[in-house]
N, C-alpha and C. Protein backbone atom coordinates (compact mmCIF):
# COMPACT_ATOMS: atom_id res chain seq x y z
N MET A 1 57.65 17.94 147.57
CA MET A 1 57.87 17.68 148.97
C MET A 1 58.51 16.29 149.10
N LYS A 2 59.56 16.21 149.88
CA LYS A 2 60.26 14.95 150.08
C LYS A 2 59.73 14.26 151.33
N LEU A 3 59.35 12.99 151.19
CA LEU A 3 58.80 12.21 152.30
C LEU A 3 59.89 11.37 152.94
N THR A 4 59.76 11.17 154.26
CA THR A 4 60.67 10.27 154.97
C THR A 4 60.27 8.83 154.63
N THR A 5 61.11 7.89 154.98
CA THR A 5 60.81 6.47 154.76
C THR A 5 59.53 6.08 155.48
N GLU A 6 59.38 6.55 156.70
CA GLU A 6 58.17 6.23 157.48
C GLU A 6 56.92 6.80 156.81
N GLU A 7 57.02 8.02 156.30
CA GLU A 7 55.88 8.64 155.62
C GLU A 7 55.54 7.89 154.33
N LYS A 8 56.58 7.46 153.61
CA LYS A 8 56.35 6.69 152.38
C LYS A 8 55.66 5.36 152.68
N ASP A 9 56.10 4.69 153.74
CA ASP A 9 55.47 3.42 154.15
C ASP A 9 54.01 3.64 154.53
N LEU A 10 53.73 4.70 155.26
CA LEU A 10 52.37 5.02 155.67
C LEU A 10 51.50 5.31 154.45
N LEU A 11 52.01 6.10 153.52
CA LEU A 11 51.26 6.43 152.31
C LEU A 11 50.96 5.17 151.49
N ALA A 12 51.96 4.30 151.35
CA ALA A 12 51.76 3.05 150.61
C ALA A 12 50.70 2.18 151.28
N SER A 13 50.72 2.13 152.59
CA SER A 13 49.73 1.35 153.35
C SER A 13 48.32 1.89 153.12
N ILE A 14 48.18 3.19 153.13
CA ILE A 14 46.88 3.82 152.89
C ILE A 14 46.41 3.53 151.47
N GLU A 15 47.30 3.67 150.51
CA GLU A 15 46.95 3.44 149.11
C GLU A 15 46.57 1.99 148.84
N LYS A 16 47.11 1.05 149.62
CA LYS A 16 46.77 -0.37 149.47
C LYS A 16 45.41 -0.70 150.10
N GLY A 17 44.84 0.26 150.80
CA GLY A 17 43.55 0.04 151.45
C GLY A 17 43.64 -0.71 152.76
N GLU A 18 44.78 -0.64 153.41
CA GLU A 18 44.98 -1.35 154.67
C GLU A 18 44.37 -0.62 155.87
N TRP A 19 43.82 0.55 155.66
CA TRP A 19 43.23 1.33 156.75
C TRP A 19 41.72 1.29 156.63
N GLN A 20 41.06 1.30 157.77
CA GLN A 20 39.60 1.29 157.79
C GLN A 20 39.11 2.50 158.57
N GLN A 21 38.00 3.06 158.13
CA GLN A 21 37.41 4.20 158.82
C GLN A 21 36.68 3.72 160.07
N ILE A 22 36.82 4.47 161.14
CA ILE A 22 36.11 4.16 162.39
C ILE A 22 34.67 4.61 162.21
N SER A 23 33.74 3.71 162.54
CA SER A 23 32.32 3.99 162.29
C SER A 23 31.82 5.24 163.03
N ASP A 24 32.18 5.41 164.27
CA ASP A 24 31.73 6.57 165.05
C ASP A 24 32.96 7.34 165.52
N PHE A 25 33.64 7.97 164.57
CA PHE A 25 34.92 8.62 164.85
C PHE A 25 34.81 9.69 165.93
N LYS A 26 33.75 10.48 165.90
CA LYS A 26 33.64 11.59 166.84
C LYS A 26 33.64 11.11 168.29
N SER A 27 32.81 10.11 168.61
CA SER A 27 32.75 9.63 170.00
C SER A 27 34.02 8.87 170.37
N GLU A 28 34.59 8.13 169.42
CA GLU A 28 35.84 7.42 169.69
C GLU A 28 36.97 8.41 169.96
N SER A 29 36.99 9.50 169.20
CA SER A 29 38.01 10.53 169.39
C SER A 29 37.91 11.13 170.78
N VAL A 30 36.71 11.44 171.21
CA VAL A 30 36.49 12.00 172.56
C VAL A 30 36.95 10.99 173.61
N ARG A 31 36.60 9.72 173.41
CA ARG A 31 36.96 8.67 174.38
C ARG A 31 38.48 8.54 174.50
N TYR A 32 39.18 8.49 173.35
CA TYR A 32 40.63 8.33 173.39
C TYR A 32 41.33 9.56 173.95
N LYS A 33 40.79 10.75 173.70
CA LYS A 33 41.37 11.95 174.29
C LYS A 33 41.27 11.91 175.81
N GLU A 34 40.13 11.44 176.32
CA GLU A 34 39.92 11.33 177.76
C GLU A 34 40.88 10.30 178.37
N VAL A 35 41.04 9.17 177.69
CA VAL A 35 41.97 8.15 178.16
C VAL A 35 43.40 8.70 178.20
N ALA A 36 43.79 9.40 177.14
CA ALA A 36 45.14 9.97 177.09
C ALA A 36 45.35 10.99 178.20
N LYS A 37 44.35 11.82 178.43
CA LYS A 37 44.44 12.83 179.50
C LYS A 37 44.61 12.16 180.86
N ASN A 38 43.80 11.13 181.11
CA ASN A 38 43.88 10.42 182.39
C ASN A 38 45.17 9.65 182.54
N THR A 39 45.70 9.15 181.44
CA THR A 39 46.96 8.42 181.49
C THR A 39 48.11 9.34 181.90
N MET A 40 48.06 10.56 181.42
CA MET A 40 49.13 11.50 181.72
C MET A 40 48.98 12.17 183.08
N LEU A 41 47.80 12.03 183.69
CA LEU A 41 47.55 12.64 185.00
C LEU A 41 48.27 11.83 186.08
N LYS A 42 49.27 12.42 186.65
CA LYS A 42 50.04 11.74 187.69
C LYS A 42 49.99 12.61 188.93
N ASN A 43 49.05 12.29 189.81
CA ASN A 43 48.86 13.15 190.96
C ASN A 43 49.17 12.47 192.29
N LYS A 44 49.73 11.28 192.26
CA LYS A 44 50.09 10.59 193.49
C LYS A 44 51.56 10.19 193.45
N ARG A 45 52.21 10.36 194.57
CA ARG A 45 53.61 9.96 194.69
C ARG A 45 53.66 8.69 195.52
N VAL A 46 54.48 7.71 195.08
CA VAL A 46 54.58 6.42 195.77
C VAL A 46 56.06 6.11 195.98
N ASN A 47 56.38 5.67 197.17
CA ASN A 47 57.73 5.20 197.46
C ASN A 47 57.67 3.70 197.68
N ILE A 48 58.54 2.96 197.00
CA ILE A 48 58.58 1.51 197.17
C ILE A 48 60.02 1.07 197.42
N ARG A 49 60.14 -0.05 198.07
CA ARG A 49 61.46 -0.64 198.30
C ARG A 49 61.59 -1.87 197.41
N MET A 50 62.77 -2.04 196.82
CA MET A 50 63.04 -3.21 195.99
C MET A 50 64.51 -3.53 196.08
N THR A 51 64.86 -4.71 195.63
CA THR A 51 66.26 -5.10 195.66
C THR A 51 67.04 -4.24 194.68
N GLU A 52 68.31 -4.05 194.97
CA GLU A 52 69.15 -3.28 194.07
C GLU A 52 69.22 -3.95 192.70
N ARG A 53 69.21 -5.27 192.72
CA ARG A 53 69.26 -6.03 191.46
C ARG A 53 68.05 -5.70 190.57
N ASP A 54 66.85 -5.72 191.17
CA ASP A 54 65.64 -5.37 190.41
C ASP A 54 65.71 -3.93 189.92
N PHE A 55 66.18 -3.04 190.77
CA PHE A 55 66.27 -1.63 190.41
C PHE A 55 67.20 -1.44 189.20
N VAL A 56 68.33 -2.12 189.22
CA VAL A 56 69.28 -2.03 188.10
C VAL A 56 68.65 -2.58 186.83
N HIS A 57 67.89 -3.66 186.94
CA HIS A 57 67.19 -4.22 185.78
C HIS A 57 66.19 -3.21 185.21
N PHE A 58 65.46 -2.53 186.09
CA PHE A 58 64.53 -1.50 185.64
C PHE A 58 65.28 -0.38 184.91
N GLN A 59 66.40 0.04 185.48
CA GLN A 59 67.16 1.11 184.86
C GLN A 59 67.68 0.70 183.48
N LYS A 60 68.18 -0.52 183.36
CA LYS A 60 68.70 -1.00 182.08
C LYS A 60 67.58 -1.10 181.03
N LYS A 61 66.46 -1.66 181.43
CA LYS A 61 65.33 -1.81 180.51
C LYS A 61 64.81 -0.44 180.08
N ALA A 62 64.73 0.48 181.02
CA ALA A 62 64.26 1.83 180.71
C ALA A 62 65.22 2.51 179.72
N LEU A 63 66.49 2.32 179.91
CA LEU A 63 67.48 2.89 179.00
C LEU A 63 67.30 2.31 177.59
N GLN A 64 67.07 1.00 177.50
CA GLN A 64 66.84 0.36 176.20
C GLN A 64 65.58 0.92 175.53
N GLU A 65 64.56 1.21 176.33
CA GLU A 65 63.29 1.70 175.80
C GLU A 65 63.30 3.22 175.58
N GLY A 66 64.33 3.90 176.08
CA GLY A 66 64.41 5.35 175.94
C GLY A 66 63.44 6.08 176.86
N LEU A 67 63.20 5.51 178.04
CA LEU A 67 62.27 6.09 179.01
C LEU A 67 62.96 6.34 180.33
N PRO A 68 62.46 7.28 181.12
CA PRO A 68 62.92 7.35 182.50
C PRO A 68 62.47 6.08 183.25
N TYR A 69 63.27 5.59 184.16
CA TYR A 69 62.91 4.34 184.83
C TYR A 69 61.61 4.46 185.63
N GLN A 70 61.32 5.67 186.15
CA GLN A 70 60.08 5.85 186.89
C GLN A 70 58.87 5.65 185.98
N THR A 71 58.97 6.12 184.75
CA THR A 71 57.88 5.96 183.78
C THR A 71 57.69 4.49 183.44
N LEU A 72 58.78 3.77 183.27
CA LEU A 72 58.70 2.34 182.98
C LEU A 72 58.02 1.59 184.13
N ILE A 73 58.43 1.86 185.35
CA ILE A 73 57.83 1.20 186.51
C ILE A 73 56.34 1.53 186.60
N SER A 74 56.00 2.80 186.41
CA SER A 74 54.60 3.21 186.45
C SER A 74 53.79 2.51 185.37
N SER A 75 54.35 2.39 184.18
CA SER A 75 53.66 1.72 183.08
C SER A 75 53.44 0.24 183.37
N ILE A 76 54.44 -0.41 183.91
CA ILE A 76 54.33 -1.83 184.25
C ILE A 76 53.26 -2.03 185.32
N LEU A 77 53.26 -1.20 186.33
CA LEU A 77 52.25 -1.30 187.39
C LEU A 77 50.85 -1.06 186.83
N HIS A 78 50.72 -0.07 185.95
CA HIS A 78 49.43 0.24 185.34
C HIS A 78 48.93 -0.95 184.52
N LYS A 79 49.80 -1.53 183.72
CA LYS A 79 49.41 -2.68 182.90
C LYS A 79 49.04 -3.87 183.77
N TYR A 80 49.78 -4.09 184.83
CA TYR A 80 49.50 -5.21 185.72
C TYR A 80 48.14 -5.05 186.40
N ILE A 81 47.89 -3.89 186.94
CA ILE A 81 46.66 -3.68 187.70
C ILE A 81 45.44 -3.71 186.78
N ASN A 82 45.62 -3.42 185.50
CA ASN A 82 44.52 -3.44 184.53
C ASN A 82 44.51 -4.71 183.69
N ASN A 83 45.33 -5.69 184.05
CA ASN A 83 45.38 -6.99 183.39
C ASN A 83 45.64 -6.93 181.90
N TYR A 84 46.43 -5.96 181.43
CA TYR A 84 46.77 -5.92 180.01
C TYR A 84 47.60 -7.13 179.65
N GLY A 85 47.22 -7.78 178.57
CA GLY A 85 47.97 -8.93 178.10
C GLY A 85 47.71 -10.19 178.88
N LYS A 86 46.79 -10.16 179.82
CA LYS A 86 46.47 -11.34 180.63
C LYS A 86 45.18 -11.96 180.12
N THR A 87 45.04 -13.25 180.31
CA THR A 87 43.80 -13.92 179.93
C THR A 87 42.86 -14.01 181.11
N SER A 88 43.33 -13.66 182.28
CA SER A 88 42.52 -13.73 183.49
C SER A 88 41.37 -12.74 183.43
N THR A 89 40.23 -13.15 183.94
CA THR A 89 39.07 -12.24 184.00
C THR A 89 38.95 -11.61 185.38
N ASN A 90 39.87 -11.89 186.27
CA ASN A 90 39.82 -11.34 187.62
C ASN A 90 40.47 -9.97 187.62
N LYS A 91 39.66 -8.94 187.57
CA LYS A 91 40.17 -7.57 187.58
C LYS A 91 40.02 -6.99 188.97
N VAL A 92 40.93 -6.10 189.30
CA VAL A 92 40.88 -5.41 190.57
C VAL A 92 39.78 -4.37 190.48
N PRO A 93 38.84 -4.34 191.43
CA PRO A 93 37.76 -3.35 191.36
C PRO A 93 38.26 -1.94 191.51
């Protein structure tokens, strides 16, 4: 069987012992599946107004990332509201 470069890198990483087993894999697996399901659940529609300049920037960035611009905007809003990457402890209830 021929492996891709990515698969070879992954195999080498595993063989070097760079991976660690999760202590409670079963409950972590359930938790991450629930998070993934909720992340993909999009049941509200929102209309916002922004400058054309900002909109064009969103479109360009989304194109660079290989995403629809709506997905990029939704992701940015989600990260902001959940304080991802922030040191602030002030979370929105």
